[in-house]
């Protein structure tokens, strides 16, 4: 079963091909993605790598966490699952009255 890995503190010059090459030394890489800013299309400094097996993912995390890439120390760990709702959601079901009292 494949496992997703978070890769943080990437140099802004990093490419998906470089990530594939770096991680393929530790097992089969299913996919790579570098997250980009939606307005400027510039890399945001982190990405995700999907490894084919859990063993390959564990080996890559152990070997690459803390390793330098173009002068930046990488943060490599297991990716957390996405949460529903995304950014800006409140705990009140989306209704935000910012402390105002209802008049009616």
Protein backbone atom coordinates (compact mmCIF):
# COMPACT_ATOMS: atom_id res chain seq x y z
CA UNK A 1 0.00 0.00 0.00
CA UNK A 2 1.33 3.44 -0.90
CA UNK A 3 2.21 6.02 1.72
CA UNK A 4 2.38 9.81 1.41
CA UNK A 5 5.37 11.71 2.76
CA UNK A 6 5.55 15.43 3.59
CA UNK A 7 8.76 17.17 2.52
CA UNK A 8 9.28 20.60 4.07
CA UNK A 9 11.89 23.37 3.84
CA UNK A 10 12.50 22.66 0.15
CA UNK A 11 14.66 25.11 -1.76
CA UNK A 12 12.52 27.22 -4.07
CA UNK A 13 14.58 25.98 -7.02
CA UNK A 14 13.65 22.31 -6.36
CA UNK A 15 11.79 20.41 -9.06
CA UNK A 16 9.56 17.35 -8.96
CA UNK A 17 12.18 15.47 -10.99
CA UNK A 18 14.80 16.19 -8.30
CA UNK A 19 12.45 14.90 -5.60
CA UNK A 20 11.76 11.74 -7.58
CA UNK A 21 15.48 11.15 -8.05
CA UNK A 22 16.24 11.78 -4.36
CA UNK A 23 13.50 9.51 -3.01
CA UNK A 24 13.87 6.73 -5.61
CA UNK A 25 17.17 5.73 -3.96
CA UNK A 26 15.04 4.33 -1.10
CA UNK A 27 12.26 2.63 -3.06
CA UNK A 28 9.70 3.05 -5.81
CA UNK A 29 8.19 6.53 -6.06
CA UNK A 30 4.55 6.62 -7.19
CA UNK A 31 4.22 10.40 -7.50
CA UNK A 32 5.69 13.74 -6.45
CA UNK A 33 4.11 17.17 -6.10
CA UNK A 34 5.59 20.52 -5.12
CA UNK A 35 2.95 22.91 -3.78
CA UNK A 36 2.84 26.27 -5.55
CA UNK A 37 1.21 29.58 -4.70
CA UNK A 38 -2.03 29.89 -6.66
CA UNK A 39 -1.52 33.58 -7.46
CA UNK A 40 2.19 33.75 -8.35
CA UNK A 41 2.74 30.09 -9.35
CA UNK A 42 5.98 30.11 -7.33
CA UNK A 43 6.87 27.13 -5.10
CA UNK A 44 5.84 27.48 -1.45
CA UNK A 45 8.78 25.48 -0.09
CA UNK A 46 7.10 22.15 0.59
CA UNK A 47 5.74 19.17 -1.27
CA UNK A 48 4.59 15.57 -1.10
CA UNK A 49 6.06 12.29 -2.27
CA UNK A 50 4.05 9.10 -2.54
CA UNK A 51 6.06 5.92 -2.09
CA UNK A 52 4.82 2.56 -3.39
CA UNK A 53 5.25 0.72 -0.07
CA UNK A 54 5.26 1.60 3.60
CA UNK A 55 8.72 0.08 4.03
CA UNK A 56 10.15 2.33 1.30
CA UNK A 57 8.47 5.35 2.90
CA UNK A 58 9.91 4.54 6.32
CA UNK A 59 13.39 4.06 4.82
CA UNK A 60 13.15 7.39 2.96
CA UNK A 61 11.95 9.28 6.05
CA UNK A 62 14.76 7.85 8.16
CA UNK A 63 17.44 8.55 5.57
CA UNK A 64 16.34 11.98 4.31
CA UNK A 65 15.00 13.81 7.38
CA UNK A 66 17.59 16.47 8.19
CA UNK A 67 19.56 15.99 4.95
CA UNK A 68 20.61 19.15 3.10
CA UNK A 69 19.34 20.02 -0.36
CA UNK A 70 20.81 23.16 -1.94
CA UNK A 71 21.82 24.49 1.48
CA UNK A 72 18.46 23.87 3.20
CA UNK A 73 17.87 21.18 5.80
CA UNK A 74 14.86 19.07 4.73
CA UNK A 75 12.01 18.13 7.03
CA UNK A 76 10.71 14.73 5.98
CA UNK A 77 7.90 12.92 7.80
CA UNK A 78 4.66 11.03 7.26
CA UNK A 79 1.96 13.26 5.77
CA UNK A 80 -1.13 13.86 7.88
CA UNK A 81 -4.50 13.21 6.24
CA UNK A 82 -6.37 16.20 4.84
CA UNK A 83 -9.05 17.68 7.06
CA UNK A 84 -12.55 18.49 5.84
CA UNK A 85 -13.50 22.13 5.42
CA UNK A 86 -10.06 23.58 4.91
CA UNK A 87 -8.93 26.98 6.10
CA UNK A 88 -11.21 29.55 7.69
CA UNK A 89 -13.90 27.22 8.98
CA UNK A 90 -15.23 27.95 12.43
CA UNK A 91 -16.39 25.45 15.03
CA UNK A 92 -19.89 26.94 14.88
CA UNK A 93 -20.95 25.36 11.62
CA UNK A 94 -19.71 28.18 9.44
CA UNK A 95 -21.81 30.90 11.10
CA UNK A 96 -19.67 33.70 12.46
CA UNK A 97 -21.38 36.53 14.29
CA UNK A 98 -18.18 37.85 15.90
CA UNK A 99 -19.81 38.40 19.28
CA UNK A 100 -22.82 40.44 18.12
CA UNK A 101 -26.10 39.79 19.84
CA UNK A 102 -29.13 38.77 17.86
CA UNK A 103 -31.71 41.53 18.04
CA UNK A 104 -34.73 39.36 17.30
